Amino acid sequence: MNKILSYVRRCVEDYDMIQPGDKVAVGVSGGKDSLVLLAALARLREFYPKPFTVEAITLDMGTGMDFAPVAEYCKRIDVPYTCIPTEIAHVIFDVRKEKNPCSMCAKMRRGALHTALLERDIHKIALGHHFDDAVETFFLSLFYEGRLSCFQPVTWLDRTGISQIRPLLYCGEGHIRHVAQREGLPVVHNPCPANGFTKRQEVKDLVKELGERYPNLKSRVFGAMQRLPLPEWGPVEHRRMPPLEEDED
């Protein structure tokens, strides 16, 4: 956990993600990524020179997931927790019968989450996207949109006044998985029928295959995203990148 925490702190500092007095909500899906992020930020608040607070918010998609263990964990680490029931899964799979549900699901979740944040006067949300997600998103944009792009480390949403931050960007998925297991985090199984059958999963499998042929492929792509003049990332000459590790899955 100490290595994850050091990467999170470095990422927060590199991209100036947290300001003094910030109330930072963590979008907790119940998966390993968001739970590790929650654990890291809960520890970071104890010593970070810019004081901030942490809350956890879960959108219950209506798939029967049990978030009671997550609520208990939040109580244990002294983080306020809110679970918001929705019917997003019902709308997407039963009403609309979407053949490609991921895009619609993301939009509905984003809208519901932003509404919940504003109702609680929270204007900063931490999302669990990590190093591997960034590389896969780069290839998704290249293959399916024909452009060089990725999500931003920090995103300002001017319509809502909400900032999205991604403090796990320097953390590999394999390392996150190991930490979640070692820390005994209450990971909740996601029964979404689209799991494992998405374009992202196709790209994930492709990147893994290419990585076996080209050592350090993901680190090279990630570094290229930082060095290229992508408006989402900005120049990094002033930053010292940590030694990113390509974890074994």
Foldseek 3Di string as FASTA:
>chain_A
DVVLLVLLVQLCVLVVQDAAAAEEEEECALALLSLLVQVSVLVCCVDPPRHYAYAYEYEACPPPWDCPLVCVVCVVSVHHYYYHYDPNVCCQCPVVNDPARPVVSVVVVVVVVLVVCVVVPHAEYEYRDELLNFLLQQVCCCPPVVDGDGAAQWDQDVVRNHIYHYSRHLPEPQVSVVVCVVVVRRRIDDPPPCPCPHPSNVSSVVVVVVCVVPPPVSVVSVVVVQPDCDVRRHHCPVGDRDPRDHDDD
